[in-house]
N, C-alpha and C. Protein backbone atom coordinates (compact mmCIF):
# COMPACT_ATOMS: atom_id res chain seq x y z
N MET A 1 0.85 -1.18 0.00
CA MET A 1 0.00 0.00 0.00
C MET A 1 0.89 1.23 0.00
N ASP A 2 0.57 2.22 -0.84
CA ASP A 2 1.30 3.47 -0.85
C ASP A 2 1.09 4.21 0.45
N THR A 3 2.06 5.05 0.82
CA THR A 3 1.93 5.80 2.08
C THR A 3 0.77 6.77 2.02
N GLU A 4 0.32 7.15 0.81
CA GLU A 4 -0.77 8.10 0.71
C GLU A 4 -2.15 7.43 0.68
N ASP A 5 -2.19 6.12 0.57
CA ASP A 5 -3.48 5.41 0.58
C ASP A 5 -4.10 5.50 1.97
N ARG A 6 -5.38 5.77 2.00
CA ARG A 6 -6.13 5.77 3.26
C ARG A 6 -6.51 4.34 3.59
N PRO A 7 -6.44 3.96 4.86
CA PRO A 7 -6.90 2.62 5.20
C PRO A 7 -8.41 2.50 4.99
N LEU A 8 -8.85 1.29 4.78
CA LEU A 8 -10.26 0.98 4.63
C LEU A 8 -10.72 0.36 5.95
N VAL A 9 -11.68 1.00 6.61
CA VAL A 9 -12.17 0.55 7.91
C VAL A 9 -13.58 0.00 7.72
N TRP A 10 -13.78 -1.26 8.08
CA TRP A 10 -15.10 -1.90 7.95
C TRP A 10 -15.77 -1.90 9.32
N LEU A 11 -16.86 -1.16 9.46
CA LEU A 11 -17.58 -1.14 10.73
C LEU A 11 -18.50 -2.36 10.85
N GLU A 12 -19.09 -2.75 9.75
CA GLU A 12 -19.99 -3.91 9.70
C GLU A 12 -20.01 -4.38 8.25
N ASP A 13 -20.56 -5.57 8.05
CA ASP A 13 -20.79 -6.10 6.71
C ASP A 13 -19.47 -6.33 5.96
N ARG A 14 -19.57 -6.94 4.82
CA ARG A 14 -18.42 -7.22 3.97
C ARG A 14 -18.89 -7.33 2.52
N VAL A 15 -17.95 -7.19 1.62
CA VAL A 15 -18.21 -7.45 0.20
C VAL A 15 -17.57 -8.80 -0.07
N GLN A 16 -18.41 -9.81 -0.29
CA GLN A 16 -17.88 -11.15 -0.50
C GLN A 16 -18.74 -11.92 -1.49
N THR A 17 -18.15 -12.95 -2.05
CA THR A 17 -18.85 -13.80 -3.02
C THR A 17 -19.09 -15.16 -2.37
N PRO A 18 -20.34 -15.65 -2.34
CA PRO A 18 -21.57 -14.92 -2.55
C PRO A 18 -21.88 -14.00 -1.35
N PRO A 19 -22.79 -13.13 -1.40
CA PRO A 19 -23.86 -12.95 -2.37
C PRO A 19 -23.48 -12.11 -3.59
N PHE A 20 -22.38 -11.33 -3.53
CA PHE A 20 -21.93 -10.60 -4.71
C PHE A 20 -21.43 -11.60 -5.75
N SER A 21 -21.63 -11.28 -7.02
CA SER A 21 -20.97 -12.07 -8.05
C SER A 21 -19.49 -11.70 -8.02
N VAL A 22 -18.66 -12.52 -8.61
CA VAL A 22 -17.22 -12.22 -8.66
C VAL A 22 -16.98 -10.88 -9.34
N THR A 23 -17.69 -10.63 -10.44
CA THR A 23 -17.53 -9.38 -11.19
C THR A 23 -17.91 -8.18 -10.34
N ALA A 24 -19.02 -8.24 -9.62
CA ALA A 24 -19.45 -7.13 -8.78
C ALA A 24 -18.48 -6.92 -7.61
N ARG A 25 -17.97 -8.00 -7.04
CA ARG A 25 -17.00 -7.88 -5.94
C ARG A 25 -15.73 -7.18 -6.42
N ILE A 26 -15.27 -7.54 -7.61
CA ILE A 26 -14.07 -6.91 -8.17
C ILE A 26 -14.32 -5.43 -8.45
N GLU A 27 -15.49 -5.11 -8.99
CA GLU A 27 -15.83 -3.70 -9.25
C GLU A 27 -15.86 -2.91 -7.94
N ALA A 28 -16.47 -3.47 -6.91
CA ALA A 28 -16.52 -2.80 -5.62
C ALA A 28 -15.11 -2.56 -5.09
N GLY A 29 -14.26 -3.56 -5.21
CA GLY A 29 -12.88 -3.43 -4.76
C GLY A 29 -12.13 -2.33 -5.49
N LYS A 30 -12.32 -2.24 -6.80
CA LYS A 30 -11.66 -1.21 -7.60
C LYS A 30 -12.13 0.19 -7.19
N LEU A 31 -13.44 0.34 -7.00
CA LEU A 31 -13.97 1.65 -6.60
C LEU A 31 -13.48 2.05 -5.21
N LEU A 32 -13.47 1.09 -4.29
CA LEU A 32 -12.98 1.39 -2.94
C LEU A 32 -11.50 1.77 -2.98
N ARG A 33 -10.73 1.10 -3.81
CA ARG A 33 -9.30 1.40 -3.94
C ARG A 33 -9.09 2.82 -4.46
N LEU A 34 -9.89 3.24 -5.44
CA LEU A 34 -9.79 4.60 -5.95
C LEU A 34 -10.06 5.62 -4.84
N LEU A 35 -11.07 5.35 -4.03
CA LEU A 35 -11.37 6.26 -2.91
C LEU A 35 -10.22 6.28 -1.90
N GLN A 36 -9.62 5.14 -1.64
CA GLN A 36 -8.48 5.08 -0.73
C GLN A 36 -7.33 5.94 -1.24
N ARG A 37 -7.19 6.01 -2.53
CA ARG A 37 -6.10 6.80 -3.14
C ARG A 37 -6.44 8.28 -3.24
N GLY A 38 -7.64 8.65 -2.78
CA GLY A 38 -8.02 10.05 -2.77
C GLY A 38 -8.73 10.54 -4.01
N GLU A 39 -9.08 9.64 -4.92
CA GLU A 39 -9.79 10.05 -6.13
C GLU A 39 -11.25 10.32 -5.80
N ARG A 40 -11.82 11.24 -6.53
CA ARG A 40 -13.24 11.55 -6.37
C ARG A 40 -14.03 10.79 -7.43
N LEU A 41 -15.09 10.19 -7.01
CA LEU A 41 -15.97 9.46 -7.92
C LEU A 41 -17.30 10.18 -7.98
N GLY A 42 -17.91 10.18 -9.14
CA GLY A 42 -19.24 10.77 -9.31
C GLY A 42 -20.20 9.73 -9.83
N MET A 43 -21.35 10.22 -10.26
CA MET A 43 -22.35 9.33 -10.82
C MET A 43 -21.80 8.71 -12.10
N PRO A 44 -22.10 7.50 -12.41
CA PRO A 44 -23.10 6.65 -11.78
C PRO A 44 -22.55 5.80 -10.64
N HIS A 45 -21.26 5.90 -10.34
CA HIS A 45 -20.66 5.01 -9.35
C HIS A 45 -20.86 5.46 -7.90
N CYS A 46 -20.97 6.74 -7.68
CA CYS A 46 -20.96 7.24 -6.31
C CYS A 46 -21.84 8.48 -6.21
N ARG A 47 -22.59 8.57 -5.13
CA ARG A 47 -23.38 9.78 -4.92
C ARG A 47 -23.33 10.16 -3.44
N PRO A 48 -23.36 11.45 -3.13
CA PRO A 48 -23.33 11.88 -1.74
C PRO A 48 -24.62 11.52 -1.02
N MET A 49 -24.50 11.30 0.29
CA MET A 49 -25.67 11.01 1.13
C MET A 49 -25.64 11.94 2.35
N PRO A 50 -25.89 13.23 2.13
CA PRO A 50 -25.85 14.17 3.25
C PRO A 50 -26.91 13.90 4.32
N SER A 51 -27.94 13.14 3.98
CA SER A 51 -28.96 12.81 4.98
C SER A 51 -28.38 11.94 6.10
N ILE A 52 -27.28 11.25 5.83
CA ILE A 52 -26.62 10.45 6.87
C ILE A 52 -25.57 11.27 7.59
N GLY A 53 -24.84 12.10 6.84
CA GLY A 53 -23.83 12.92 7.47
C GLY A 53 -22.87 13.52 6.45
N PRO A 54 -21.99 14.42 6.92
CA PRO A 54 -21.03 15.01 6.00
C PRO A 54 -20.02 13.97 5.52
N HIS A 55 -19.62 14.11 4.28
CA HIS A 55 -18.61 13.24 3.65
C HIS A 55 -19.08 11.79 3.50
N VAL A 56 -20.39 11.55 3.64
CA VAL A 56 -20.94 10.20 3.48
C VAL A 56 -21.40 10.04 2.04
N HIS A 57 -21.07 8.89 1.46
CA HIS A 57 -21.41 8.59 0.07
C HIS A 57 -21.96 7.18 -0.03
N GLU A 58 -22.59 6.92 -1.16
CA GLU A 58 -23.12 5.61 -1.47
C GLU A 58 -22.46 5.15 -2.76
N LEU A 59 -21.70 4.06 -2.68
CA LEU A 59 -21.18 3.43 -3.90
C LEU A 59 -22.29 2.60 -4.50
N ARG A 60 -22.39 2.62 -5.80
CA ARG A 60 -23.47 1.93 -6.50
C ARG A 60 -22.85 0.86 -7.40
N ILE A 61 -23.19 -0.39 -7.12
CA ILE A 61 -22.65 -1.53 -7.86
C ILE A 61 -23.82 -2.29 -8.49
N GLN A 62 -23.80 -2.41 -9.82
CA GLN A 62 -24.83 -3.20 -10.49
C GLN A 62 -24.31 -4.63 -10.63
N ASP A 63 -25.13 -5.57 -10.22
CA ASP A 63 -24.76 -6.98 -10.24
C ASP A 63 -25.76 -7.72 -11.12
N GLU A 64 -25.65 -9.01 -11.17
CA GLU A 64 -26.56 -9.85 -11.95
C GLU A 64 -27.95 -9.81 -11.33
N GLY A 65 -28.80 -8.92 -11.84
CA GLY A 65 -30.17 -8.84 -11.35
C GLY A 65 -30.32 -8.14 -10.01
N ARG A 66 -29.27 -7.50 -9.49
CA ARG A 66 -29.31 -6.81 -8.20
C ARG A 66 -28.54 -5.51 -8.29
N PHE A 67 -28.87 -4.64 -7.38
CA PHE A 67 -28.13 -3.40 -7.22
C PHE A 67 -27.62 -3.35 -5.79
N TRP A 68 -26.30 -3.30 -5.64
CA TRP A 68 -25.68 -3.24 -4.32
C TRP A 68 -25.33 -1.80 -3.99
N ARG A 69 -25.37 -1.50 -2.70
CA ARG A 69 -24.96 -0.18 -2.21
C ARG A 69 -23.97 -0.38 -1.07
N ILE A 70 -22.97 0.48 -1.05
CA ILE A 70 -21.98 0.49 0.02
C ILE A 70 -21.99 1.90 0.58
N VAL A 71 -22.41 2.05 1.83
CA VAL A 71 -22.45 3.36 2.47
C VAL A 71 -21.13 3.57 3.18
N LEU A 72 -20.47 4.68 2.86
CA LEU A 72 -19.15 4.93 3.43
C LEU A 72 -18.95 6.41 3.68
N ARG A 73 -17.97 6.70 4.53
CA ARG A 73 -17.60 8.08 4.80
C ARG A 73 -16.13 8.24 4.45
N ILE A 74 -15.82 9.33 3.78
CA ILE A 74 -14.45 9.60 3.38
C ILE A 74 -13.86 10.64 4.33
N ASP A 75 -13.04 10.16 5.23
CA ASP A 75 -12.33 11.03 6.18
C ASP A 75 -10.94 11.32 5.63
N PRO A 76 -10.27 12.34 6.13
CA PRO A 76 -8.91 12.62 5.65
C PRO A 76 -7.94 11.46 5.87
N ASP A 77 -8.19 10.66 6.91
CA ASP A 77 -7.24 9.60 7.26
C ASP A 77 -7.75 8.19 7.00
N ALA A 78 -8.99 8.02 6.51
CA ALA A 78 -9.53 6.67 6.29
C ALA A 78 -10.80 6.74 5.46
N VAL A 79 -11.13 5.61 4.85
CA VAL A 79 -12.43 5.40 4.20
C VAL A 79 -13.16 4.42 5.10
N ILE A 80 -14.29 4.84 5.67
CA ILE A 80 -14.99 4.04 6.67
C ILE A 80 -16.29 3.51 6.06
N VAL A 81 -16.43 2.18 6.02
CA VAL A 81 -17.61 1.53 5.45
C VAL A 81 -18.58 1.20 6.58
N ALA A 82 -19.80 1.73 6.48
CA ALA A 82 -20.80 1.50 7.52
C ALA A 82 -21.80 0.42 7.15
N ALA A 83 -22.06 0.22 5.86
CA ALA A 83 -23.08 -0.77 5.48
C ALA A 83 -22.90 -1.22 4.04
N VAL A 84 -23.27 -2.46 3.79
CA VAL A 84 -23.32 -3.04 2.45
C VAL A 84 -24.69 -3.71 2.35
N PHE A 85 -25.46 -3.34 1.33
CA PHE A 85 -26.80 -3.92 1.24
C PHE A 85 -27.27 -3.95 -0.21
N ALA A 86 -28.24 -4.82 -0.47
CA ALA A 86 -28.88 -4.89 -1.78
C ALA A 86 -30.01 -3.88 -1.80
N LYS A 87 -29.99 -3.02 -2.78
CA LYS A 87 -31.01 -1.98 -2.90
C LYS A 87 -32.21 -2.57 -3.62
N LYS A 88 -33.37 -2.49 -2.98
CA LYS A 88 -34.57 -3.11 -3.56
C LYS A 88 -35.64 -2.09 -3.93
N THR A 89 -35.50 -0.86 -3.43
CA THR A 89 -36.46 0.20 -3.74
C THR A 89 -35.69 1.45 -4.15
N THR A 90 -36.41 2.47 -4.57
CA THR A 90 -35.73 3.70 -4.98
C THR A 90 -35.20 4.49 -3.79
N ARG A 91 -35.79 4.30 -2.63
CA ARG A 91 -35.36 5.02 -1.43
C ARG A 91 -34.55 4.11 -0.52
N THR A 92 -33.57 4.70 0.15
CA THR A 92 -32.81 3.96 1.14
C THR A 92 -33.67 3.84 2.40
N PRO A 93 -33.82 2.65 2.95
CA PRO A 93 -34.67 2.47 4.14
C PRO A 93 -34.20 3.35 5.31
N ARG A 94 -35.16 3.94 5.98
CA ARG A 94 -34.85 4.81 7.12
C ARG A 94 -34.06 4.06 8.20
N SER A 95 -34.40 2.79 8.42
CA SER A 95 -33.69 2.01 9.43
C SER A 95 -32.21 1.88 9.09
N LEU A 96 -31.90 1.79 7.79
CA LEU A 96 -30.51 1.69 7.38
C LEU A 96 -29.78 3.02 7.58
N THR A 97 -30.42 4.13 7.24
CA THR A 97 -29.76 5.42 7.45
C THR A 97 -29.49 5.66 8.93
N GLU A 98 -30.43 5.29 9.79
CA GLU A 98 -30.22 5.43 11.24
C GLU A 98 -29.10 4.52 11.72
N ARG A 99 -29.06 3.31 11.22
CA ARG A 99 -28.00 2.37 11.60
C ARG A 99 -26.63 2.91 11.20
N CYS A 100 -26.53 3.49 10.01
CA CYS A 100 -25.26 4.06 9.56
C CYS A 100 -24.86 5.24 10.44
N ARG A 101 -25.81 6.10 10.77
CA ARG A 101 -25.50 7.23 11.67
C ARG A 101 -24.94 6.72 13.00
N ARG A 102 -25.59 5.71 13.56
CA ARG A 102 -25.13 5.14 14.84
C ARG A 102 -23.72 4.57 14.72
N ARG A 103 -23.46 3.86 13.65
CA ARG A 103 -22.14 3.26 13.45
C ARG A 103 -21.06 4.33 13.30
N PHE A 104 -21.35 5.40 12.55
CA PHE A 104 -20.37 6.47 12.41
C PHE A 104 -20.14 7.19 13.75
N ARG A 105 -21.21 7.42 14.50
CA ARG A 105 -21.05 8.06 15.84
C ARG A 105 -20.20 7.18 16.75
N ALA A 106 -20.46 5.88 16.75
CA ALA A 106 -19.69 4.96 17.60
C ALA A 106 -18.22 4.96 17.17
N TYR A 107 -17.96 4.98 15.88
CA TYR A 107 -16.59 5.03 15.37
C TYR A 107 -15.91 6.31 15.84
N ASP A 108 -16.60 7.43 15.70
CA ASP A 108 -16.02 8.72 16.12
C ASP A 108 -15.71 8.73 17.61
N ARG A 109 -16.61 8.18 18.43
CA ARG A 109 -16.36 8.11 19.88
C ARG A 109 -15.15 7.25 20.17
N ALA A 110 -15.04 6.11 19.50
CA ALA A 110 -13.91 5.20 19.71
C ALA A 110 -12.58 5.86 19.31
N MET A 111 -12.62 6.68 18.25
CA MET A 111 -11.39 7.33 17.80
C MET A 111 -10.98 8.47 18.73
N GLU A 112 -11.96 9.04 19.46
CA GLU A 112 -11.65 10.11 20.43
C GLU A 112 -10.94 9.55 21.65
N ASP A 113 -11.25 8.32 22.02
CA ASP A 113 -10.67 7.73 23.25
C ASP A 113 -9.24 7.31 23.06
């Protein structure tokens, strides 16, 4: 890993095959690696999610008959993944946004200690 790469911190969930196809898992890995290197991604791969918090984004991965989402926050020193889920509706479930907020708050508290 280059000294400028940000570490990838997984709070919960994982990107693994199954349920991801091998192709979707590789795409997710490539997009996460770009974010670790400090690159900015836009649509269709990534969109901001200010409803969860500042610097929070949703990676969008199209798979075989499914759409995966990876909710993450890009901090200056790390890329923090809060959730990985299959998107089934046009809106992100409120329970998921609340869960991500809680996970990010818990991470921030742990980093303060």
